[in-house]
Amino acid sequence: MDGQSCCANFLRRCKPYVAMISLQFGYAGMNIITKVSLNHGMSHYVLVVYRHAFATLSIAPFALILERKVRPKMTFWVFVQIFVLALLGPVIDQNFYYAGLKFTSPTFSCAMSNMLPAMTFVMAVIFRMEKLHLKKLRCQAKMVGTLVTVAGAMLMTIYKGPIIEMIWTKYMHGHQPAADTSSVPSDQDWFKGSIFLIIATLAWASLFILQAVTIKRYDAPLSLTTLICFVGTLQAIVVTFVMEHKTSVWSIGWDMNLFAAAYAGIVTSSIAYYVQGLVLQIKGPVFASAFCPLMMIIVAIMGSFILSEKIYLGGIVGSILIVIGLYAVLWGKYKENKEKKEIEAIDLPVALKSIEGNGAIIEVVDIDEVELEKARANNRMTSPIDQTVIAVSLQMKDNQMKS
């Protein structure tokens, strides 16, 4: 039984990590597929509309069936938060990200997205979701990591550098015709794309912060995801009509454009928003944003093979700085969570005043059974004396109820 319990606890603790790693593979595929679609002339405004329309249709049935009895009541302020979430995610984040992706490359876009944890940390501090204790090493690590991450992003934005040839890309390029230089973005487009990606990442960080607050008021992840995607689709339609004046941009056939919209909608919108919301409930916004470097590595490998993507020295150096800063933030967050668990283990909801020589309890402070169950679920009580006190206290409550 102990072995099964340990295995179950291990699997439970691994779930957030497995979920976020799986999401990075989904995001990596989206970057490659979307880049191909944008290169074929699809409007990123239309892509955002179709993406979130697919997302709404794919997740709405699950929300209607699985959460019909637990869905909270919709209030005005919850609707306002959902409206802002849809504006931050489907509209601002996605449109600016696709625009930046079009002007740069998938690997560069993913590397710039690694600013997300630093931006999330700064915003969490501003909104008092994270506390700063400047004398503690963990807080110093998070602050230094944030600064290093920003420095890496700035380096990637202003310095491109020479092309770095990988062994496999050099071999592949030797067997391929020369690339069309007109499709290579200029330095001006590269800088513009960098700014777009920074704006998109800022909107994404804001989404993390607001979603962590909204999920507490509207504790129905599937329904919340459906509403965000649906409202975002409506907002994206309005933006598209304003920005695109040709009706031909809406045409879509059985091609890469349809596949890109369906993949992005089902995998990286509906599934990703839902899984992201669950992880936010368990681990918080900083943890959820800490796995982006994995996506960059996956995209760099896939992009070099599929798109024959060129990798620049500035991108490599900037990426290294961003990853170093990112994991400094992650290390600080890990130490903070470990410290919180130690404090919670000390502050048990049980107090034993005295015990007679024969083992009879003279006085036991009342126990909050709700807190007791929470403590049990979190494996916070391992001391034999704690278990004895709890058992006797509950027995005394039973005796009182019977009498």
Protein backbone atom coordinates (compact mmCIF):
# COMPACT_ATOMS: atom_id res chain seq x y z
CA MET A 1 0.00 0.00 0.00
CA ASP A 2 2.84 2.39 0.83
CA GLY A 3 4.42 1.71 -2.55
CA GLN A 4 1.15 2.42 -4.34
CA SER A 5 0.65 5.59 -2.31
CA CYS A 6 4.17 6.84 -3.12
CA CYS A 7 3.64 6.05 -6.80
CA ALA A 8 0.31 7.87 -6.81
CA ASN A 9 1.85 10.91 -5.09
CA PHE A 10 4.74 10.91 -7.58
CA LEU A 11 2.35 10.81 -10.55
CA ARG A 12 0.23 13.57 -9.03
CA ARG A 13 3.27 15.81 -8.59
CA CYS A 14 4.47 15.09 -12.13
CA LYS A 15 1.18 16.07 -13.79
CA PRO A 16 1.87 19.85 -13.99
CA TYR A 17 5.34 19.22 -15.45
CA VAL A 18 4.08 16.72 -18.03
CA ALA A 19 1.23 19.06 -18.96
CA MET A 20 3.48 22.06 -19.56
CA ILE A 21 6.08 20.03 -21.48
CA SER A 22 3.35 18.62 -23.73
CA LEU A 23 2.07 22.13 -24.36
CA GLN A 24 5.51 23.22 -25.58
CA PHE A 25 5.48 20.50 -28.24
CA GLY A 26 2.03 21.71 -29.29
CA TYR A 27 3.19 25.33 -29.46
CA ALA A 28 6.30 24.32 -31.43
CA GLY A 29 4.21 22.60 -34.09
CA MET A 30 1.94 25.64 -34.27
CA ASN A 31 4.89 27.96 -34.94
CA ILE A 32 6.18 25.88 -37.86
CA ILE A 33 2.76 25.28 -39.45
CA THR A 34 1.70 28.91 -39.01
CA LYS A 35 4.93 30.22 -40.55
CA VAL A 36 4.30 28.09 -43.65
CA SER A 37 0.71 29.38 -43.87
CA LEU A 38 1.77 33.03 -43.49
CA ASN A 39 4.44 32.56 -46.15
CA HIS A 40 1.68 31.37 -48.49
CA GLY A 41 -0.10 34.71 -48.07
CA MET A 42 -2.74 34.07 -45.43
CA SER A 43 -3.76 37.13 -43.41
CA HIS A 44 -2.86 36.76 -39.75
CA TYR A 45 -6.06 38.63 -38.81
CA VAL A 46 -8.16 35.99 -40.57
CA LEU A 47 -6.02 33.23 -39.09
CA VAL A 48 -6.80 34.48 -35.58
CA VAL A 49 -10.55 34.44 -36.32
CA TYR A 50 -10.54 30.91 -37.72
CA ARG A 51 -8.20 29.69 -34.99
CA HIS A 52 -10.48 30.71 -32.16
CA ALA A 53 -13.62 29.67 -34.01
CA PHE A 54 -12.16 26.15 -34.19
CA ALA A 55 -11.17 26.43 -30.54
CA THR A 56 -14.70 27.40 -29.47
CA LEU A 57 -16.34 24.59 -31.45
CA SER A 58 -13.91 21.97 -30.17
CA ILE A 59 -14.18 22.71 -26.45
CA ALA A 60 -17.76 24.00 -26.07
CA PRO A 61 -19.41 20.51 -26.05
CA PHE A 62 -17.15 19.37 -23.20
CA ALA A 63 -17.90 22.52 -21.21
CA LEU A 64 -21.67 22.15 -21.70
CA ILE A 65 -21.71 18.48 -20.66
CA LEU A 66 -19.01 18.16 -18.00
CA GLU A 67 -19.59 21.45 -16.17
CA ARG A 68 -23.35 21.85 -16.42
CA LYS A 69 -23.80 21.27 -12.66
CA VAL A 70 -20.71 23.08 -11.35
CA ARG A 71 -20.66 26.15 -13.58
CA PRO A 72 -20.70 29.31 -11.39
CA LYS A 73 -23.16 32.11 -11.93
CA MET A 74 -22.05 34.70 -14.44
CA THR A 75 -21.64 38.15 -12.91
CA PHE A 76 -20.91 41.50 -14.51
CA TRP A 77 -17.31 41.64 -13.24
CA VAL A 78 -16.58 38.09 -14.35
CA PHE A 79 -17.87 38.97 -17.83
CA VAL A 80 -15.65 42.07 -17.88
CA GLN A 81 -12.64 39.92 -16.96
CA ILE A 82 -13.50 37.40 -19.69
CA PHE A 83 -13.86 40.25 -22.19
CA VAL A 84 -10.41 41.59 -21.24
CA LEU A 85 -8.90 38.08 -21.32
CA ALA A 86 -10.24 37.61 -24.85
CA LEU A 87 -8.82 40.98 -25.86
CA LEU A 88 -5.39 40.16 -24.38
CA GLY A 89 -5.12 36.61 -25.74
CA PRO A 90 -6.95 36.00 -29.01
CA VAL A 91 -6.75 39.60 -30.27
CA ILE A 92 -3.64 41.43 -29.05
CA ASP A 93 -1.31 38.55 -28.28
CA GLN A 94 -2.09 36.42 -31.32
CA ASN A 95 -2.21 39.21 -33.91
CA PHE A 96 1.05 40.79 -32.77
CA TYR A 97 2.71 37.41 -32.41
CA TYR A 98 1.73 36.33 -35.93
CA ALA A 99 2.88 39.69 -37.30
CA GLY A 100 6.22 39.28 -35.53
CA LEU A 101 6.51 35.70 -36.74
CA LYS A 102 5.90 36.84 -40.32
CA PHE A 103 8.69 39.43 -40.13
CA THR A 104 11.24 37.20 -38.34
CA SER A 105 11.46 33.41 -37.94
CA PRO A 106 9.90 30.69 -35.75
CA THR A 107 13.03 30.18 -33.64
CA PHE A 108 13.50 33.91 -33.07
CA SER A 109 9.82 34.30 -32.15
CA CYS A 110 10.03 31.46 -29.62
CA ALA A 111 13.21 32.92 -28.13
CA MET A 112 11.55 36.30 -27.66
CA SER A 113 8.60 34.54 -26.02
CA ASN A 114 11.01 33.39 -23.31
CA MET A 115 10.69 36.89 -21.89
CA LEU A 116 7.30 35.74 -20.65
CA PRO A 117 8.39 34.53 -17.16
CA ALA A 118 10.29 37.75 -16.48
CA MET A 119 7.35 39.88 -17.57
CA THR A 120 4.98 37.69 -15.58
CA PHE A 121 7.15 38.01 -12.48
CA VAL A 122 7.30 41.81 -12.74
CA MET A 123 3.54 42.06 -13.21
CA ALA A 124 2.93 39.59 -10.36
CA VAL A 125 5.01 41.83 -8.09
CA ILE A 126 3.12 44.93 -9.23
CA PHE A 127 -0.24 43.27 -8.50
CA ARG A 128 1.06 41.79 -5.22
CA MET A 129 0.77 38.19 -6.34
CA GLU A 130 4.48 37.82 -5.64
CA LYS A 131 6.28 39.27 -2.61
CA LEU A 132 9.79 40.68 -2.71
CA HIS A 133 12.20 40.08 0.16
CA LEU A 134 15.35 41.68 -1.16
CA LYS A 135 17.56 40.23 1.59
CA LYS A 136 16.70 36.65 0.60
CA LEU A 137 18.71 34.84 -2.04
CA ARG A 138 15.61 33.49 -3.86
CA CYS A 139 14.26 37.00 -4.45
CA GLN A 140 17.66 38.23 -5.59
CA ALA A 141 17.80 35.33 -8.06
CA LYS A 142 14.40 36.23 -9.49
CA MET A 143 15.33 39.90 -9.85
CA VAL A 144 18.72 39.18 -11.47
CA GLY A 145 17.09 36.58 -13.72
CA THR A 146 14.53 39.12 -14.86
CA LEU A 147 17.22 41.67 -15.75
CA VAL A 148 19.31 39.07 -17.62
CA THR A 149 16.24 37.93 -19.55
CA VAL A 150 15.43 41.49 -20.62
CA ALA A 151 19.08 42.04 -21.60
CA GLY A 152 18.99 38.92 -23.78
CA ALA A 153 15.81 40.06 -25.49
CA MET A 154 17.25 43.51 -26.15
CA LEU A 155 20.42 41.95 -27.61
CA MET A 156 18.35 39.81 -29.97
CA THR A 157 16.36 42.87 -31.03
CA ILE A 158 19.23 45.24 -31.85
CA TYR A 159 21.96 42.76 -32.92
CA LYS A 160 21.54 40.12 -35.60
CA GLY A 161 25.12 39.08 -36.33
CA PRO A 162 26.48 36.56 -38.81
CA ILE A 163 24.68 33.38 -39.81
CA ILE A 164 25.63 30.28 -37.84
CA GLU A 165 25.60 27.13 -39.97
CA MET A 166 24.59 23.90 -38.26
CA ILE A 167 26.08 20.62 -39.54
CA TRP A 168 22.78 19.19 -40.72
CA THR A 169 21.52 22.46 -42.23
CA LYS A 170 24.79 22.94 -44.12
CA TYR A 171 24.44 19.48 -45.60
CA MET A 172 20.80 20.07 -46.50
CA HIS A 173 21.44 23.48 -48.05
CA GLY A 174 24.14 21.99 -50.22
CA HIS A 175 21.51 19.79 -51.88
CA GLN A 176 18.85 22.49 -52.23
CA PRO A 177 18.47 25.33 -54.73
CA ALA A 178 19.37 28.81 -53.61
CA ALA A 179 16.74 30.47 -51.44
CA ASP A 180 14.71 33.35 -52.71
CA THR A 181 16.33 36.41 -51.17
CA SER A 182 13.09 38.38 -51.49
CA SER A 183 11.54 36.16 -48.81
CA VAL A 184 14.34 36.94 -46.34
CA PRO A 185 13.24 39.70 -43.94
CA SER A 186 15.27 42.91 -43.96
CA ASP A 187 16.85 44.41 -40.86
CA GLN A 188 14.01 46.94 -40.64
CA ASP A 189 11.39 44.18 -40.79
CA TRP A 190 13.40 42.19 -38.25
CA PHE A 191 13.36 45.10 -35.80
CA LYS A 192 9.66 45.71 -36.41
CA GLY A 193 8.94 42.03 -35.84
CA SER A 194 10.91 42.15 -32.58
CA ILE A 195 8.77 45.01 -31.28
CA PHE A 196 5.61 43.14 -32.25
CA LEU A 197 6.82 40.05 -30.39
CA ILE A 198 7.58 42.08 -27.24
CA ILE A 199 4.06 43.54 -27.30
CA ALA A 200 2.61 40.06 -27.81
CA THR A 201 4.60 38.67 -24.88
CA LEU A 202 3.49 41.53 -22.64
CA ALA A 203 -0.14 40.77 -23.52
CA TRP A 204 0.47 37.08 -22.85
CA ALA A 205 1.94 37.84 -19.40
CA SER A 206 -1.09 40.00 -18.63
CA LEU A 207 -3.30 37.08 -19.65
CA PHE A 208 -1.53 34.82 -17.14
CA ILE A 209 -2.04 37.31 -14.32
CA LEU A 210 -5.71 38.02 -15.05
CA GLN A 211 -6.54 34.37 -15.73
CA ALA A 212 -5.12 33.38 -12.34
CA VAL A 213 -7.52 35.87 -10.73
CA THR A 214 -10.54 35.00 -12.90
CA ILE A 215 -10.27 31.24 -12.36
CA LYS A 216 -10.84 31.83 -8.64
CA ARG A 217 -14.11 33.67 -9.28
CA TYR A 218 -15.28 31.46 -12.12
CA ASP A 219 -14.04 28.02 -11.14
CA ALA A 220 -15.06 26.16 -14.29
CA PRO A 221 -11.95 25.88 -16.53
CA LEU A 222 -13.70 24.39 -19.57
CA SER A 223 -16.47 26.98 -19.55
CA LEU A 224 -14.00 29.80 -18.97
CA THR A 225 -11.87 28.62 -21.89
CA THR A 226 -14.94 28.39 -24.14
CA LEU A 227 -16.08 31.89 -23.25
CA ILE A 228 -12.61 33.37 -23.79
CA CYS A 229 -12.35 31.75 -27.23
CA PHE A 230 -15.90 32.72 -28.24
CA VAL A 231 -15.61 36.36 -27.15
CA GLY A 232 -12.14 36.49 -28.69
CA THR A 233 -13.54 35.24 -31.99
CA LEU A 234 -16.12 38.03 -32.06
CA GLN A 235 -13.50 40.63 -31.21
CA ALA A 236 -11.12 39.25 -33.85
CA ILE A 237 -13.87 39.47 -36.50
CA VAL A 238 -14.32 43.16 -35.76
CA VAL A 239 -10.55 43.77 -35.92
CA THR A 240 -10.32 41.88 -39.23
CA PHE A 241 -13.11 43.91 -40.84
CA VAL A 242 -11.30 47.09 -39.77
CA MET A 243 -7.84 45.99 -40.98
CA GLU A 244 -8.71 43.89 -44.05
CA HIS A 245 -11.00 45.47 -46.66
CA LYS A 246 -10.92 42.66 -49.24
CA THR A 247 -13.45 39.88 -48.88
CA SER A 248 -11.08 37.50 -50.67
CA VAL A 249 -8.91 37.24 -47.53
CA TRP A 250 -11.66 35.19 -45.88
CA SER A 251 -11.50 32.42 -48.48
CA ILE A 252 -10.00 29.20 -47.23
CA GLY A 253 -9.81 25.75 -48.82
CA TRP A 254 -8.59 22.26 -48.02
CA ASP A 255 -4.99 23.38 -47.76
CA MET A 256 -2.29 24.41 -45.31
CA ASN A 257 -4.28 27.48 -44.27
CA LEU A 258 -7.18 25.34 -43.05
CA PHE A 259 -4.81 22.95 -41.31
CA ALA A 260 -2.96 25.82 -39.61
CA ALA A 261 -6.21 27.34 -38.33
CA ALA A 262 -7.59 23.99 -37.12
CA TYR A 263 -4.34 22.93 -35.46
CA ALA A 264 -3.82 26.28 -33.77
CA GLY A 265 -7.45 26.43 -32.63
CA ILE A 266 -7.80 22.91 -31.26
CA VAL A 267 -4.30 22.32 -29.88
CA THR A 268 -2.87 25.70 -28.88
CA SER A 269 -6.07 27.55 -28.00
CA SER A 270 -8.74 25.24 -26.60
CA ILE A 271 -6.53 22.51 -25.12
CA ALA A 272 -3.72 24.91 -24.17
CA TYR A 273 -6.00 27.43 -22.44
CA TYR A 274 -7.69 24.64 -20.47
CA VAL A 275 -4.48 22.90 -19.40
CA GLN A 276 -2.87 26.24 -18.66
CA GLY A 277 -5.79 27.17 -16.40
CA LEU A 278 -5.46 23.91 -14.45
CA VAL A 279 -1.72 24.42 -13.96
CA LEU A 280 -2.30 28.03 -12.87
CA GLN A 281 -4.61 26.78 -10.12
CA ILE A 282 -1.98 24.37 -8.81
CA LYS A 283 1.36 26.09 -9.41
CA GLY A 284 0.66 29.74 -10.19
CA PRO A 285 1.53 31.99 -13.15
CA VAL A 286 5.34 32.02 -12.79
CA PHE A 287 5.60 28.22 -12.89
CA ALA A 288 3.25 27.97 -15.87
CA SER A 289 5.40 30.35 -17.89
CA ALA A 290 8.74 28.68 -17.09
CA PHE A 291 8.80 26.03 -19.82
CA CYS A 292 9.15 28.25 -22.88
CA PRO A 293 12.84 27.44 -23.60
CA LEU A 294 11.84 23.88 -24.43
CA MET A 295 9.60 25.20 -27.21
CA MET A 296 12.51 27.25 -28.59
CA ILE A 297 14.75 24.18 -28.80
CA ILE A 298 12.05 22.10 -30.49
CA VAL A 299 11.26 24.85 -32.99
CA ALA A 300 14.96 25.43 -33.78
CA ILE A 301 15.41 21.76 -34.66
CA MET A 302 12.16 21.49 -36.61
CA GLY A 303 12.68 24.84 -38.36
CA SER A 304 16.18 23.97 -39.53
CA PHE A 305 14.91 20.75 -41.11
CA ILE A 306 11.51 21.85 -42.46
CA LEU A 307 12.05 25.53 -43.29
CA SER A 308 15.86 25.55 -43.74
CA GLU A 309 15.78 28.36 -41.19
CA LYS A 310 18.89 30.49 -40.72
CA ILE A 311 20.17 30.94 -37.17
CA TYR A 312 22.11 34.13 -36.31
CA LEU A 313 24.82 34.73 -33.72
CA GLY A 314 22.80 37.47 -31.99
CA GLY A 315 19.89 35.07 -31.64
CA ILE A 316 22.07 32.36 -30.08
CA VAL A 317 23.76 34.70 -27.57
CA GLY A 318 20.46 36.40 -26.70
CA SER A 319 18.74 33.03 -26.30
CA ILE A 320 21.45 31.83 -23.93
CA LEU A 321 21.05 34.95 -21.79
CA ILE A 322 17.27 34.57 -21.79
CA VAL A 323 17.47 30.92 -20.73
CA ILE A 324 19.96 31.71 -17.95
CA GLY A 325 17.71 34.47 -16.67
CA LEU A 326 14.64 32.30 -17.03
CA TYR A 327 16.01 29.51 -14.89
CA ALA A 328 17.29 31.96 -12.30
CA VAL A 329 13.68 33.06 -11.94
CA LEU A 330 12.53 29.43 -11.86
CA TRP A 331 15.11 28.52 -9.20
CA GLY A 332 13.97 31.42 -7.04
CA LYS A 333 10.36 30.32 -7.45
CA TYR A 334 11.26 26.73 -6.51
CA LYS A 335 12.99 27.89 -3.32
CA GLU A 336 10.00 30.08 -2.47
CA ASN A 337 7.53 27.20 -2.87
CA LYS A 338 9.77 24.94 -0.78
CA GLU A 339 9.86 27.55 1.97
CA LYS A 340 6.07 27.90 1.90
CA LYS A 341 5.61 24.13 2.26
CA GLU A 342 7.94 24.09 5.28
CA ILE A 343 5.97 26.89 6.91
CA GLU A 344 2.67 25.14 6.20
CA ALA A 345 4.03 21.93 7.72
CA ILE A 346 4.81 23.81 10.93
CA ASP A 347 1.50 25.66 11.14
CA LEU A 348 -0.69 22.58 11.61
CA PRO A 349 -4.33 23.11 12.60
CA VAL A 350 -3.78 21.04 15.78
CA ALA A 351 -2.53 22.09 19.24
CA LEU A 352 -1.92 19.68 22.11
CA LYS A 353 -1.72 21.31 25.52
CA SER A 354 -0.83 18.43 27.83
CA ILE A 355 -0.91 14.65 28.18
CA GLU A 356 -1.21 12.69 31.39
CA GLY A 357 1.13 9.88 32.24
CA ASN A 358 -1.42 7.24 31.26
CA GLY A 359 -1.81 8.81 27.83
CA ALA A 360 -5.14 10.54 28.47
CA ILE A 361 -5.47 13.93 26.89
CA ILE A 362 -6.38 16.69 29.30
CA GLU A 363 -7.15 19.44 26.79
CA VAL A 364 -7.12 19.50 23.01
CA VAL A 365 -7.71 22.66 21.08
CA ASP A 366 -10.60 22.33 18.60
CA ILE A 367 -9.68 21.19 15.09
CA ASP A 368 -11.06 22.58 11.86
CA GLU A 369 -11.96 19.39 9.98
CA VAL A 370 -11.83 21.13 6.62
CA GLU A 371 -8.27 22.21 7.28
CA LEU A 372 -7.57 18.71 8.58
CA GLU A 373 -8.63 17.12 5.31
CA LYS A 374 -6.59 19.65 3.36
CA ALA A 375 -3.56 18.82 5.46
CA ARG A 376 -4.06 15.11 4.91
CA ALA A 377 -4.40 15.60 1.16
CA ASN A 378 -1.19 17.60 1.06
CA ASN A 379 0.71 15.01 3.11
CA ARG A 380 1.56 17.67 5.65
CA MET A 381 1.19 15.49 8.79
CA THR A 382 3.87 12.89 9.17
CA SER A 383 4.55 13.13 12.89
CA PRO A 384 3.11 10.26 15.01
CA ILE A 385 2.13 12.69 17.76
CA ASP A 386 0.14 14.75 15.26
CA GLN A 387 -1.69 11.65 14.07
CA THR A 388 -2.44 10.61 17.67
CA VAL A 389 -3.79 14.02 18.61
CA ILE A 390 -5.98 14.14 15.53
CA ALA A 391 -7.40 10.66 16.09
CA VAL A 392 -8.23 11.34 19.75
CA SER A 393 -9.73 14.74 18.97
CA LEU A 394 -12.03 13.31 16.31
CA GLN A 395 -13.03 10.51 18.68
CA MET A 396 -13.96 13.09 21.33
CA LYS A 397 -16.08 14.95 18.79
CA ASP A 398 -17.88 11.71 17.92
CA ASN A 399 -18.56 11.02 21.61
CA GLN A 400 -19.94 14.52 22.07
CA MET A 401 -22.29 14.12 19.14
CA LYS A 402 -23.54 10.75 20.42
CA SER A 403 -24.15 12.12 23.91
